[in-house]
Amino acid sequence: MKVLIADDSRVMRQIVLRTLRQAGLGHHDFVEAEDGVDALAKVASERPDMVLSDWNMPNMTGIELLRELRAGGNAVPFGFVTSEGSPEMRDLAQKAGAMFVIAKPFTPDTFQDALGAVLV
């Protein structure tokens, strides 16, 4: 499977990738995007099987990315990995079609719980 990791922080993308590996999910192919605009282009060109996105990014936020994908008919499994996890944000994410919201700080167990059934 191919997983797209979208976050404007290169360090955070690497932390997410390292945590996926620690959770035993590191055997997949990974593609990185630096913001929502880059992620939208890479969803079209790379055709990932899942998108993990930050909420707050320049140019296009994570929720804008998710809404753009769904408006275009793309149903790729989508989850947020973000520093925010308020009930309002989780509600917005769910209504837009997100599978889950992982709030920072996270652990390998958090990723395993959210992604283990999807990334086998």
PDB file of N, CA and C in Angstrom:
ATOM      1  N   MET A   1       0.839  -1.179   0.000  1.00  0.00           N
ATOM      2  CA  MET A   1       0.000   0.000   0.000  1.00  0.00           C
ATOM      3  C   MET A   1       0.885   1.244   0.000  1.00  0.00           C
ATOM      4  N   LYS A   2       0.336   2.327  -0.516  1.00  0.00           N
ATOM      5  CA  LYS A   2       1.054   3.602  -0.558  1.00  0.00           C
ATOM      6  C   LYS A   2       0.335   4.590   0.354  1.00  0.00           C
ATOM      7  N   VAL A   3       1.122   5.278   1.203  1.00  0.00           N
ATOM      8  CA  VAL A   3       0.569   6.224   2.164  1.00  0.00           C
ATOM      9  C   VAL A   3       1.169   7.594   1.900  1.00  0.00           C
ATOM     10  N   LEU A   4       0.319   8.603   1.776  1.00  0.00           N
ATOM     11  CA  LEU A   4       0.757   9.986   1.604  1.00  0.00           C
ATOM     12  C   LEU A   4       0.722  10.669   2.966  1.00  0.00           C
ATOM     13  N   ILE A   5       1.846  11.260   3.365  1.00  0.00           N
ATOM     14  CA  ILE A   5       1.940  12.006   4.618  1.00  0.00           C
ATOM     15  C   ILE A   5       2.060  13.481   4.258  1.00  0.00           C
ATOM     16  N   ALA A   6       1.051  14.283   4.634  1.00  0.00           N
ATOM     17  CA  ALA A   6       1.035  15.712   4.324  1.00  0.00           C
ATOM     18  C   ALA A   6       1.195  16.524   5.602  1.00  0.00           C
ATOM     19  N   ASP A   7       2.269  17.281   5.669  1.00  0.00           N
ATOM     20  CA  ASP A   7       2.528  18.165   6.810  1.00  0.00           C
ATOM     21  C   ASP A   7       3.534  19.200   6.342  1.00  0.00           C
ATOM     22  N   ASP A   8       3.342  20.454   6.750  1.00  0.00           N
ATOM     23  CA  ASP A   8       4.265  21.502   6.315  1.00  0.00           C
ATOM     24  C   ASP A   8       5.610  21.432   7.039  1.00  0.00           C
ATOM     25  N   SER A   9       5.703  20.639   8.083  1.00  0.00           N
ATOM     26  CA  SER A   9       6.961  20.455   8.802  1.00  0.00           C
ATOM     27  C   SER A   9       7.625  19.153   8.352  1.00  0.00           C
ATOM     28  N   ARG A  10       8.813  19.290   7.764  1.00  0.00           N
ATOM     29  CA  ARG A  10       9.553  18.096   7.338  1.00  0.00           C
ATOM     30  C   ARG A  10       9.868  17.218   8.549  1.00  0.00           C
ATOM     31  N   VAL A  11      10.212  17.861   9.666  1.00  0.00           N
ATOM     32  CA  VAL A  11      10.504  17.112  10.887  1.00  0.00           C
ATOM     33  C   VAL A  11       9.288  16.313  11.330  1.00  0.00           C
ATOM     34  N   MET A  12       8.103  16.919  11.279  1.00  0.00           N
ATOM     35  CA  MET A  12       6.898  16.200  11.699  1.00  0.00           C
ATOM     36  C   MET A  12       6.585  15.052  10.748  1.00  0.00           C
ATOM     37  N   ARG A  13       6.809  15.255   9.460  1.00  0.00           N
ATOM     38  CA  ARG A  13       6.599  14.132   8.519  1.00  0.00           C
ATOM     39  C   ARG A  13       7.517  12.973   8.885  1.00  0.00           C
ATOM     40  N   GLN A  14       8.744  13.275   9.260  1.00  0.00           N
ATOM     41  CA  GLN A  14       9.680  12.222   9.642  1.00  0.00           C
ATOM     42  C   GLN A  14       9.271  11.564  10.967  1.00  0.00           C
ATOM     43  N   ILE A  15       8.728  12.339  11.888  1.00  0.00           N
ATOM     44  CA  ILE A  15       8.251  11.778  13.163  1.00  0.00           C
ATOM     45  C   ILE A  15       7.070  10.842  12.904  1.00  0.00           C
ATOM     46  N   VAL A  16       6.162  11.258  12.033  1.00  0.00           N
ATOM     47  CA  VAL A  16       5.020  10.394  11.687  1.00  0.00           C
ATOM     48  C   VAL A  16       5.519   9.098  11.060  1.00  0.00           C
ATOM     49  N   LEU A  17       6.442   9.216  10.133  1.00  0.00           N
ATOM     50  CA  LEU A  17       6.990   8.027   9.471  1.00  0.00           C
ATOM     51  C   LEU A  17       7.695   7.120  10.479  1.00  0.00           C
ATOM     52  N   ARG A  18       8.487   7.690  11.366  1.00  0.00           N
ATOM     53  CA  ARG A  18       9.180   6.891  12.381  1.00  0.00           C
ATOM     54  C   ARG A  18       8.176   6.195  13.289  1.00  0.00           C
ATOM     55  N   THR A  19       7.111   6.896  13.661  1.00  0.00           N
ATOM     56  CA  THR A  19       6.096   6.303  14.538  1.00  0.00           C
ATOM     57  C   THR A  19       5.365   5.169  13.821  1.00  0.00           C
ATOM     58  N   LEU A  20       5.097   5.346  12.528  1.00  0.00           N
ATOM     59  CA  LEU A  20       4.485   4.260  11.749  1.00  0.00           C
ATOM     60  C   LEU A  20       5.387   3.033  11.760  1.00  0.00           C
ATOM     61  N   ARG A  21       6.681   3.247  11.603  1.00  0.00           N
ATOM     62  CA  ARG A  21       7.629   2.119  11.631  1.00  0.00           C
ATOM     63  C   ARG A  21       7.637   1.464  13.010  1.00  0.00           C
ATOM     64  N   GLN A  22       7.631   2.270  14.062  1.00  0.00           N
ATOM     65  CA  GLN A  22       7.612   1.727  15.422  1.00  0.00           C
ATOM     66  C   GLN A  22       6.324   0.949  15.690  1.00  0.00           C
ATOM     67  N   ALA A  23       5.254   1.320  15.004  1.00  0.00           N
ATOM     68  CA  ALA A  23       3.974   0.625  15.176  1.00  0.00           C
ATOM     69  C   ALA A  23       3.891  -0.630  14.318  1.00  0.00           C
ATOM     70  N   GLY A  24       4.966  -0.922  13.592  1.00  0.00           N
ATOM     71  CA  GLY A  24       4.973  -2.101  12.735  1.00  0.00           C
ATOM     72  C   GLY A  24       4.292  -1.876  11.399  1.00  0.00           C
ATOM     73  N   LEU A  25       4.121  -0.608  11.022  1.00  0.00           N
ATOM     74  CA  LEU A  25       3.440  -0.264   9.777  1.00  0.00           C
ATOM     75  C   LEU A  25       4.385   0.386   8.776  1.00  0.00           C
ATOM     76  N   GLY A  26       5.682   0.162   8.939  1.00  0.00           N
ATOM     77  CA  GLY A  26       6.675   0.835   8.113  1.00  0.00           C
ATOM     78  C   GLY A  26       7.014   0.132   6.818  1.00  0.00           C
ATOM     79  N   HIS A  27       6.358  -0.963   6.521  1.00  0.00           N
ATOM     80  CA  HIS A  27       6.687  -1.724   5.317  1.00  0.00           C
ATOM     81  C   HIS A  27       5.922  -1.240   4.078  1.00  0.00           C
ATOM     82  N   HIS A  28       5.178  -0.183   4.199  1.00  0.00           N
ATOM     83  CA  HIS A  28       4.423   0.361   3.080  1.00  0.00           C
ATOM     84  C   HIS A  28       5.275   1.387   2.331  1.00  0.00           C
ATOM     85  N   ASP A  29       4.810   1.827   1.173  1.00  0.00           N
ATOM     86  CA  ASP A  29       5.478   2.898   0.441  1.00  0.00           C
ATOM     87  C   ASP A  29       4.941   4.226   0.953  1.00  0.00           C
ATOM     88  N   PHE A  30       5.830   5.185   1.134  1.00  0.00           N
ATOM     89  CA  PHE A  30       5.415   6.479   1.667  1.00  0.00           C
ATOM     90  C   PHE A  30       5.800   7.596   0.708  1.00  0.00           C
ATOM     91  N   VAL A  31       4.875   8.547   0.591  1.00  0.00           N
ATOM     92  CA  VAL A  31       5.076   9.738  -0.225  1.00  0.00           C
ATOM     93  C   VAL A  31       4.817  10.921   0.695  1.00  0.00           C
ATOM     94  N   GLU A  32       5.609  11.980   0.567  1.00  0.00           N
ATOM     95  CA  GLU A  32       5.444  13.149   1.428  1.00  0.00           C
ATOM     96  C   GLU A  32       4.948  14.345   0.625  1.00  0.00           C
ATOM     97  N   ALA A  33       4.131  15.176   1.285  1.00  0.00           N
ATOM     98  CA  ALA A  33       3.657  16.429   0.697  1.00  0.00           C
ATOM     99  C   ALA A  33       3.853  17.535   1.730  1.00  0.00           C
ATOM    100  N   GLU A  34       4.212  18.727   1.253  1.00  0.00           N
ATOM    101  CA  GLU A  34       4.558  19.815   2.163  1.00  0.00           C
ATOM    102  C   GLU A  34       3.388  20.725   2.517  1.00  0.00           C
ATOM    103  N   ASP A  35       2.261  20.555   1.870  1.00  0.00           N
ATOM    104  CA  ASP A  35       1.045  21.300   2.221  1.00  0.00           C
ATOM    105  C   ASP A  35      -0.132  20.677   1.479  1.00  0.00           C
ATOM    106  N   GLY A  36      -1.310  21.260   1.649  1.00  0.00           N
ATOM    107  CA  GLY A  36      -2.491  20.689   1.028  1.00  0.00           C
ATOM    108  C   GLY A  36      -2.476  20.744  -0.484  1.00  0.00           C
ATOM    109  N   VAL A  37      -1.909  21.800  -1.046  1.00  0.00           N
ATOM    110  CA  VAL A  37      -1.835  21.913  -2.504  1.00  0.00           C
ATOM    111  C   VAL A  37      -0.937  20.815  -3.073  1.00  0.00           C
ATOM    112  N   ASP A  38       0.213  20.635  -2.443  1.00  0.00           N
ATOM    113  CA  ASP A  38       1.140  19.575  -2.855  1.00  0.00           C
ATOM    114  C   ASP A  38       0.474  18.210  -2.675  1.00  0.00           C
ATOM    115  N   ALA A  39      -0.226  18.023  -1.570  1.00  0.00           N
ATOM    116  CA  ALA A  39      -0.903  16.749  -1.306  1.00  0.00           C
ATOM    117  C   ALA A  39      -1.975  16.471  -2.361  1.00  0.00           C
ATOM    118  N   LEU A  40      -2.738  17.487  -2.715  1.00  0.00           N
ATOM    119  CA  LEU A  40      -3.784  17.297  -3.725  1.00  0.00           C
ATOM    120  C   LEU A  40      -3.174  16.848  -5.060  1.00  0.00           C
ATOM    121  N   ALA A  41      -2.072  17.467  -5.443  1.00  0.00           N
ATOM    122  CA  ALA A  41      -1.395  17.074  -6.691  1.00  0.00           C
ATOM    123  C   ALA A  41      -0.844  15.653  -6.582  1.00  0.00           C
ATOM    124  N   LYS A  42      -0.298  15.306  -5.419  1.00  0.00           N
ATOM    125  CA  LYS A  42       0.294  13.977  -5.271  1.00  0.00           C
ATOM    126  C   LYS A  42      -0.766  12.885  -5.133  1.00  0.00           C
ATOM    127  N   VAL A  43      -1.937  13.218  -4.623  1.00  0.00           N
ATOM    128  CA  VAL A  43      -3.025  12.230  -4.636  1.00  0.00           C
ATOM    129  C   VAL A  43      -3.361  11.883  -6.080  1.00  0.00           C
ATOM    130  N   ALA A  44      -3.375  12.899  -6.952  1.00  0.00           N
ATOM    131  CA  ALA A  44      -3.692  12.658  -8.364  1.00  0.00           C
ATOM    132  C   ALA A  44      -2.585  11.881  -9.071  1.00  0.00           C
ATOM    133  N   SER A  45      -1.336  12.206  -8.776  1.00  0.00           N
ATOM    134  CA  SER A  45      -0.232  11.566  -9.509  1.00  0.00           C
ATOM    135  C   SER A  45       0.221  10.248  -8.887  1.00  0.00           C
ATOM    136  N   GLU A  46       0.185  10.153  -7.566  1.00  0.00           N
ATOM    137  CA  GLU A  46       0.711   8.964  -6.878  1.00  0.00           C
ATOM    138  C   GLU A  46      -0.359   7.939  -6.538  1.00  0.00           C
ATOM    139  N   ARG A  47      -1.619   8.375  -6.524  1.00  0.00           N
ATOM    140  CA  ARG A  47      -2.749   7.502  -6.199  1.00  0.00           C
ATOM    141  C   ARG A  47      -2.504   6.686  -4.914  1.00  0.00           C
ATOM    142  N   PRO A  48      -2.327   7.374  -3.774  1.00  0.00           N
ATOM    143  CA  PRO A  48      -2.083   6.653  -2.521  1.00  0.00           C
ATOM    144  C   PRO A  48      -3.322   5.877  -2.072  1.00  0.00           C
ATOM    145  N   ASP A  49      -3.075   4.890  -1.217  1.00  0.00           N
ATOM    146  CA  ASP A  49      -4.159   4.094  -0.649  1.00  0.00           C
ATOM    147  C   ASP A  49      -4.689   4.713   0.635  1.00  0.00           C
ATOM    148  N   MET A  50      -3.924   5.672   1.187  1.00  0.00           N
ATOM    149  CA  MET A  50      -4.346   6.372   2.399  1.00  0.00           C
ATOM    150  C   MET A  50      -3.619   7.706   2.475  1.00  0.00           C
ATOM    151  N   VAL A  51      -4.297   8.696   3.065  1.00  0.00           N
ATOM    152  CA  VAL A  51      -3.690  10.008   3.290  1.00  0.00           C
ATOM    153  C   VAL A  51      -3.702  10.289   4.782  1.00  0.00           C
ATOM    154  N   LEU A  52      -2.527  10.656   5.319  1.00  0.00           N
ATOM    155  CA  LEU A  52      -2.405  11.138   6.695  1.00  0.00           C
ATOM    156  C   LEU A  52      -2.029  12.604   6.587  1.00  0.00           C
ATOM    157  N   SER A  53      -2.859  13.480   7.134  1.00  0.00           N
ATOM    158  CA  SER A  53      -2.658  14.910   6.911  1.00  0.00           C
ATOM    159  C   SER A  53      -2.692  15.699   8.204  1.00  0.00           C
ATOM    160  N   ASP A  54      -1.844  16.692   8.266  1.00  0.00           N
ATOM    161  CA  ASP A  54      -1.923  17.698   9.314  1.00  0.00           C
ATOM    162  C   ASP A  54      -3.175  18.539   9.057  1.00  0.00           C
ATOM    163  N   TRP A  55      -3.671  19.181  10.094  1.00  0.00           N
ATOM    164  CA  TRP A  55      -4.851  20.040   9.942  1.00  0.00           C
ATOM    165  C   TRP A  55      -4.437  21.416   9.441  1.00  0.00           C
ATOM    166  N   ASN A  56      -3.416  22.002  10.099  1.00  0.00           N
ATOM    167  CA  ASN A  56      -2.983  23.370   9.784  1.00  0.00           C
ATOM    168  C   ASN A  56      -1.762  23.339   8.873  1.00  0.00           C
ATOM    169  N   MET A  57      -1.961  23.774   7.644  1.00  0.00           N
ATOM    170  CA  MET A  57      -0.865  23.868   6.680  1.00  0.00           C
ATOM    171  C   MET A  57      -1.089  25.121   5.837  1.00  0.00           C
ATOM    172  N   PRO A  58      -0.010  25.723   5.318  1.00  0.00           N
ATOM    173  CA  PRO A  58      -0.181  26.884   4.443  1.00  0.00           C
ATOM    174  C   PRO A  58      -0.759  26.463   3.092  1.00  0.00           C
ATOM    175  N   ASN A  59      -1.265  27.426   2.378  1.00  0.00           N
ATOM    176  CA  ASN A  59      -1.785  27.255   1.006  1.00  0.00           C
ATOM    177  C   ASN A  59      -3.108  26.493   0.953  1.00  0.00           C
ATOM    178  N   MET A  60      -3.208  25.362   1.608  1.00  0.00           N
ATOM    179  CA  MET A  60      -4.457  24.606   1.693  1.00  0.00           C
ATOM    180  C   MET A  60      -4.391  23.783   2.973  1.00  0.00           C
ATOM    181  N   THR A  61      -5.355  23.983   3.856  1.00  0.00           N
ATOM    182  CA  THR A  61      -5.352  23.244   5.115  1.00  0.00           C
ATOM    183  C   THR A  61      -5.751  21.790   4.876  1.00  0.00           C
ATOM    184  N   GLY A  62      -5.601  20.997   5.918  1.00  0.00           N
ATOM    185  CA  GLY A  62      -5.976  19.591   5.808  1.00  0.00           C
ATOM    186  C   GLY A  62      -7.462  19.394   5.571  1.00  0.00           C
ATOM    187  N   ILE A  63      -8.298  20.164   6.245  1.00  0.00           N
ATOM    188  CA  ILE A  63      -9.748  20.009   6.042  1.00  0.00           C
ATOM    189  C   ILE A  63     -10.137  20.486   4.641  1.00  0.00           C
ATOM    190  N   GLU A  64      -9.483  21.522   4.145  1.00  0.00           N
ATOM    191  CA  GLU A  64      -9.738  21.965   2.766  1.00  0.00           C
ATOM    192  C   GLU A  64      -9.315  20.882   1.777  1.00  0.00           C
ATOM    193  N   LEU A  65      -8.202  20.243   2.046  1.00  0.00           N
ATOM    194  CA  LEU A  65      -7.741  19.141   1.196  1.00  0.00           C
ATOM    195  C   LEU A  65      -8.765  18.018   1.179  1.00  0.00           C
ATOM    196  N   LEU A  66      -9.215  17.617   2.354  1.00  0.00           N
ATOM    197  CA  LEU A  66     -10.198  16.531   2.432  1.00  0.00           C
ATOM    198  C   LEU A  66     -11.482  16.907   1.685  1.00  0.00           C
ATOM    199  N   ARG A  67     -11.961  18.103   1.905  1.00  0.00           N
ATOM    200  CA  ARG A  67     -13.192  18.533   1.220  1.00  0.00           C
ATOM    201  C   ARG A  67     -13.000  18.585  -0.294  1.00  0.00           C
ATOM    202  N   GLU A  68     -11.843  19.033  -0.751  1.00  0.00           N
ATOM    203  CA  GLU A  68     -11.551  19.076  -2.192  1.00  0.00           C
ATOM    204  C   GLU A  68     -11.522  17.669  -2.777  1.00  0.00           C
ATOM    205  N   LEU A  69     -10.905  16.750  -2.061  1.00  0.00           N
ATOM    206  CA  LEU A  69     -10.865  15.365  -2.544  1.00  0.00           C
ATOM    207  C   LEU A  69     -12.266  14.786  -2.654  1.00  0.00           C
ATOM    208  N   ARG A  70     -13.061  14.957  -1.605  1.00  0.00           N
ATOM    209  CA  ARG A  70     -14.413  14.391  -1.616  1.00  0.00           C
ATOM    210  C   ARG A  70     -15.293  15.068  -2.667  1.00  0.00           C
ATOM    211  N   ALA A  71     -15.119  16.384  -2.854  1.00  0.00           N
ATOM    212  CA  ALA A  71     -15.902  17.097  -3.871  1.00  0.00           C
ATOM    213  C   ALA A  71     -15.567  16.592  -5.268  1.00  0.00           C
ATOM    214  N   GLY A  72     -14.329  16.133  -5.445  1.00  0.00           N
ATOM    215  CA  GLY A  72     -13.915  15.602  -6.734  1.00  0.00           C
ATOM    216  C   GLY A  72     -14.213  14.125  -6.899  1.00  0.00           C
ATOM    217  N   GLY A  73     -14.870  13.537  -5.900  1.00  0.00           N
ATOM    218  CA  GLY A  73     -15.245  12.130  -5.991  1.00  0.00           C
ATOM    219  C   GLY A  73     -14.183  11.159  -5.524  1.00  0.00           C
ATOM    220  N   ASN A  74     -13.091  11.673  -4.934  1.00  0.00           N
ATOM    221  CA  ASN A  74     -12.024  10.801  -4.453  1.00  0.00           C
ATOM    222  C   ASN A  74     -12.355  10.322  -3.043  1.00  0.00           C
ATOM    223  N   ALA A  75     -12.420   9.020  -2.855  1.00  0.00           N
ATOM    224  CA  ALA A  75     -12.800   8.440  -1.562  1.00  0.00           C
ATOM    225  C   ALA A  75     -11.616   7.801  -0.843  1.00  0.00           C
ATOM    226  N   VAL A  76     -10.395   8.244  -1.146  1.00  0.00           N
ATOM    227  CA  VAL A  76      -9.220   7.669  -0.500  1.00  0.00           C
ATOM    228  C   VAL A  76      -9.374   7.760   1.030  1.00  0.00           C
ATOM    229  N   PRO A  77      -9.080   6.676   1.758  1.00  0.00           N
ATOM    230  CA  PRO A  77      -9.122   6.754   3.222  1.00  0.00           C
ATOM    231  C   PRO A  77      -8.233   7.897   3.712  1.00  0.00           C
ATOM    232  N   PHE A  78      -8.756   8.673   4.642  1.00  0.00           N
ATOM    233  CA  PHE A  78      -8.113   9.929   5.035  1.00  0.00           C
ATOM    234  C   PHE A  78      -8.170  10.067   6.555  1.00  0.00           C
ATOM    235  N   GLY A  79      -7.037  10.380   7.166  1.00  0.00           N
ATOM    236  CA  GLY A  79      -6.997  10.623   8.607  1.00  0.00           C
ATOM    237  C   GLY A  79      -6.131  11.819   8.921  1.00  0.00           C
ATOM    238  N   PHE A  80      -6.431  12.460  10.039  1.00  0.00           N
ATOM    239  CA  PHE A  80      -5.652  13.617  10.461  1.00  0.00           C
ATOM    240  C   PHE A  80      -4.672  13.226  11.556  1.00  0.00           C
ATOM    241  N   VAL A  81      -3.463  13.777  11.470  1.00  0.00           N
ATOM    242  CA  VAL A  81      -2.466  13.691  12.531  1.00  0.00           C
ATOM    243  C   VAL A  81      -2.124  15.133  12.841  1.00  0.00           C
ATOM    244  N   THR A  82      -2.599  15.631  13.965  1.00  0.00           N
ATOM    245  CA  THR A  82      -2.563  17.071  14.195  1.00  0.00           C
ATOM    246  C   THR A  82      -2.368  17.393  15.667  1.00  0.00           C
ATOM    247  N   SER A  83      -2.015  18.630  15.932  1.00  0.00           N
ATOM    248  CA  SER A  83      -1.812  19.062  17.312  1.00  0.00           C
ATOM    249  C   SER A  83      -3.124  19.405  18.000  1.00  0.00           C
ATOM    250  N   GLU A  84      -4.198  19.488  17.231  1.00  0.00           N
ATOM    251  CA  GLU A  84      -5.501  19.833  17.798  1.00  0.00           C
ATOM    252  C   GLU A  84      -6.408  18.610  17.791  1.00  0.00           C
ATOM    253  N   GLY A  85      -7.256  18.540  18.773  1.00  0.00           N
ATOM    254  CA  GLY A  85      -8.166  17.400  18.811  1.00  0.00           C
ATOM    255  C   GLY A  85      -9.440  17.754  19.534  1.00  0.00           C
ATOM    256  N   SER A  86      -9.898  18.985  19.367  1.00  0.00           N
ATOM    257  CA  SER A  86     -11.107  19.427  20.059  1.00  0.00           C
ATOM    258  C   SER A  86     -12.313  18.656  19.528  1.00  0.00           C
ATOM    259  N   PRO A  87     -13.356  18.547  20.319  1.00  0.00           N
ATOM    260  CA  PRO A  87     -14.567  17.869  19.843  1.00  0.00           C
ATOM    261  C   PRO A  87     -15.128  18.516  18.575  1.00  0.00           C
ATOM    262  N   GLU A  88     -15.045  19.861  18.462  1.00  0.00           N
ATOM    263  CA  GLU A  88     -15.554  20.547  17.276  1.00  0.00           C
ATOM    264  C   GLU A  88     -14.760  20.152  16.028  1.00  0.00           C
ATOM    265  N   MET A  89     -13.437  20.092  16.194  1.00  0.00           N
ATOM    266  CA  MET A  89     -12.587  19.711  15.067  1.00  0.00           C
ATOM    267  C   MET A  89     -12.852  18.265  14.664  1.00  0.00           C
ATOM    268  N   ARG A  90     -12.970  17.392  15.641  1.00  0.00           N
ATOM    269  CA  ARG A  90     -13.246  15.979  15.343  1.00  0.00           C
ATOM    270  C   ARG A  90     -14.591  15.842  14.623  1.00  0.00           C
ATOM    271  N   ASP A  91     -15.567  16.644  15.019  1.00  0.00           N
ATOM    272  CA  ASP A  91     -16.870  16.614  14.368  1.00  0.00           C
ATOM    273  C   ASP A  91     -16.763  17.075  12.911  1.00  0.00           C
ATOM    274  N   LEU A  92     -16.033  18.179  12.690  1.00  0.00           N
ATOM    275  CA  LEU A  92     -15.817  18.660  11.322  1.00  0.00           C
ATOM    276  C   LEU A  92     -15.123  17.605  10.475  1.00  0.00           C
ATOM    277  N   ALA A  93     -14.102  16.987  11.047  1.00  0.00           N
ATOM    278  CA  ALA A  93     -13.345  15.970  10.319  1.00  0.00           C
ATOM    279  C   ALA A  93     -14.240  14.794   9.936  1.00  0.00           C
ATOM    280  N   GLN A  94     -15.026  14.337  10.878  1.00  0.00           N
ATOM    281  CA  GLN A  94     -15.913  13.203  10.610  1.00  0.00           C
ATOM    282  C   GLN A  94     -16.944  13.553   9.543  1.00  0.00           C
ATOM    283  N   LYS A  95     -17.540  14.742   9.655  1.00  0.00           N
ATOM    284  CA  LYS A  95     -18.550  15.152   8.674  1.00  0.00           C
ATOM    285  C   LYS A  95     -17.961  15.305   7.275  1.00  0.00           C
ATOM    286  N   ALA A  96     -16.671  15.656   7.194  1.00  0.00           N
ATOM    287  CA  ALA A  96     -16.020  15.802   5.892  1.00  0.00           C
ATOM    288  C   ALA A  96     -15.582  14.463   5.316  1.00  0.00           C
ATOM    289  N   GLY A  97     -15.596  13.421   6.142  1.00  0.00           N
ATOM    290  CA  GLY A  97     -15.251  12.096   5.632  1.00  0.00           C
ATOM    291  C   GLY A  97     -13.963  11.507   6.148  1.00  0.00           C
ATOM    292  N   ALA A  98     -13.369  12.100   7.194  1.00  0.00           N
ATOM    293  CA  ALA A  98     -12.138  11.547   7.765  1.00  0.00           C
ATOM    294  C   ALA A  98     -12.449  10.271   8.551  1.00  0.00           C
ATOM    295  N   MET A  99     -11.513   9.342   8.516  1.00  0.00           N
ATOM    296  CA  MET A  99     -11.676   8.096   9.253  1.00  0.00           C
ATOM    297  C   MET A  99     -11.336   8.269  10.730  1.00  0.00           C
ATOM    298  N   PHE A 100     -10.370   9.152  11.017  1.00  0.00           N
ATOM    299  CA  PHE A 100      -9.901   9.311  12.399  1.00  0.00           C
ATOM    300  C   PHE A 100      -9.139  10.622  12.530  1.00  0.00           C
ATOM    301  N   VAL A 101      -8.945  11.026  13.787  1.00  0.00           N
ATOM    302  CA  VAL A 101      -8.083  12.157  14.128  1.00  0.00           C
ATOM    303  C   VAL A 101      -7.131  11.669  15.205  1.00  0.00           C
ATOM    304  N   ILE A 102      -5.835  11.702  14.911  1.00  0.00           N
ATOM    305  CA  ILE A 102      -4.810  11.370  15.890  1.00  0.00           C
ATOM    306  C   ILE A 102      -4.230  12.695  16.361  1.00  0.00           C
ATOM    307  N   ALA A 103      -4.377  12.975  17.662  1.00  0.00           N
ATOM    308  CA  ALA A 103      -3.870  14.235  18.212  1.00  0.00           C
ATOM    309  C   ALA A 103      -2.479  14.011  18.791  1.00  0.00           C
ATOM    310  N   LYS A 104      -1.615  14.995  18.588  1.00  0.00           N
ATOM    311  CA  LYS A 104      -0.268  14.965  19.151  1.00  0.00           C
ATOM    312  C   LYS A 104      -0.359  15.294  20.631  1.00  0.00           C
ATOM    313  N   PRO A 105       0.446  14.775  21.508  1.00  0.00           N
ATOM    314  CA  PRO A 105       1.467  13.773  21.189  1.00  0.00           C
ATOM    315  C   PRO A 105       0.848  12.405  20.983  1.00  0.00           C
ATOM    316  N   PHE A 106       1.445  11.626  20.117  1.00  0.00           N
ATOM    317  CA  PHE A 106       0.930  10.298  19.819  1.00  0.00           C
ATOM    318  C   PHE A 106       2.010   9.262  20.070  1.00  0.00           C
ATOM    319  N   THR A 107       1.596   8.016  20.097  1.00  0.00           N
ATOM    320  CA  THR A 107       2.514   6.905  20.334  1.00  0.00           C
ATOM    321  C   THR A 107       2.347   5.884  19.212  1.00  0.00           C
ATOM    322  N   PRO A 108       3.249   4.936  19.107  1.00  0.00           N
ATOM    323  CA  PRO A 108       3.051   3.852  18.126  1.00  0.00           C
ATOM    324  C   PRO A 108       1.732   3.122  18.370  1.00  0.00           C
ATOM    325  N   ASP A 109       1.339   2.948  19.630  1.00  0.00           N
ATOM    326  CA  ASP A 109       0.065   2.281  19.913  1.00  0.00           C
ATOM    327  C   ASP A 109      -1.118   3.076  19.356  1.00  0.00           C
ATOM    328  N   THR A 110      -1.038   4.402  19.412  1.00  0.00           N
ATOM    329  CA  THR A 110      -2.098   5.235  18.855  1.00  0.00           C
ATOM    330  C   THR A 110      -2.247   4.971  17.360  1.00  0.00           C
ATOM    331  N   PHE A 111      -1.117   4.914  16.672  1.00  0.00           N
ATOM    332  CA  PHE A 111      -1.154   4.644  15.232  1.00  0.00           C
ATOM    333  C   PHE A 111      -1.650   3.228  14.954  1.00  0.00           C
ATOM    334  N   GLN A 112      -1.202   2.276  15.751  1.00  0.00           N
ATOM    335  CA  GLN A 112      -1.639   0.897  15.549  1.00  0.00           C
ATOM    336  C   GLN A 112      -3.144   0.793  15.733  1.00  0.00           C
ATOM    337  N   ASP A 113      -3.677   1.464  16.759  1.00  0.00           N
ATOM    338  CA  ASP A 113      -5.119   1.421  17.009  1.00  0.00           C
ATOM    339  C   ASP A 113      -5.909   2.043  15.855  1.00  0.00           C
ATOM    340  N   ALA A 114      -5.424   3.174  15.330  1.00  0.00           N
ATOM    341  CA  ALA A 114      -6.163   3.880  14.271  1.00  0.00           C
ATOM    342  C   ALA A 114      -5.971   3.258  12.897  1.00  0.00           C
ATOM    343  N   LEU A 115      -4.769   2.733  12.633  1.00  0.00           N
ATOM    344  CA  LEU A 115      -4.428   2.302  11.277  1.00  0.00           C
ATOM    345  C   LEU A 115      -4.231   0.811  11.109  1.00  0.00           C
ATOM    346  N   GLY A 116      -4.124   0.092  12.200  1.00  0.00           N
ATOM    347  CA  GLY A 116      -3.784  -1.323  12.127  1.00  0.00           C
ATOM    348  C   GLY A 116      -4.731  -2.136  11.265  1.00  0.00           C
ATOM    349  N   ALA A 117      -6.005  -1.811  11.294  1.00  0.00           N
ATOM    350  CA  ALA A 117      -6.974  -2.570  10.502  1.00  0.00           C
ATOM    351  C   ALA A 117      -6.946  -2.168   9.030  1.00  0.00           C
ATOM    352  N   VAL A 118      -6.430  -0.961   8.746  1.00  0.00           N
ATOM    353  CA  VAL A 118      -6.409  -0.461   7.376  1.00  0.00           C
ATOM    354  C   VAL A 118      -5.096  -0.810   6.689  1.00  0.00           C
ATOM    355  N   LEU A 119      -3.976  -0.568   7.385  1.00  0.00           N
ATOM    356  CA  LEU A 119      -2.649  -0.829   6.824  1.00  0.00           C
ATOM    357  C   LEU A 119      -2.161  -2.179   7.310  1.00  0.00           C
ATOM    358  N   VAL A 120      -2.569  -3.224   6.686  1.00  0.00           N
ATOM    359  CA  VAL A 120      -2.169  -4.576   7.111  1.00  0.00           C
ATOM    360  C   VAL A 120      -0.923  -5.029   6.403  1.00  0.00           C
TER     361      VAL A 120
END
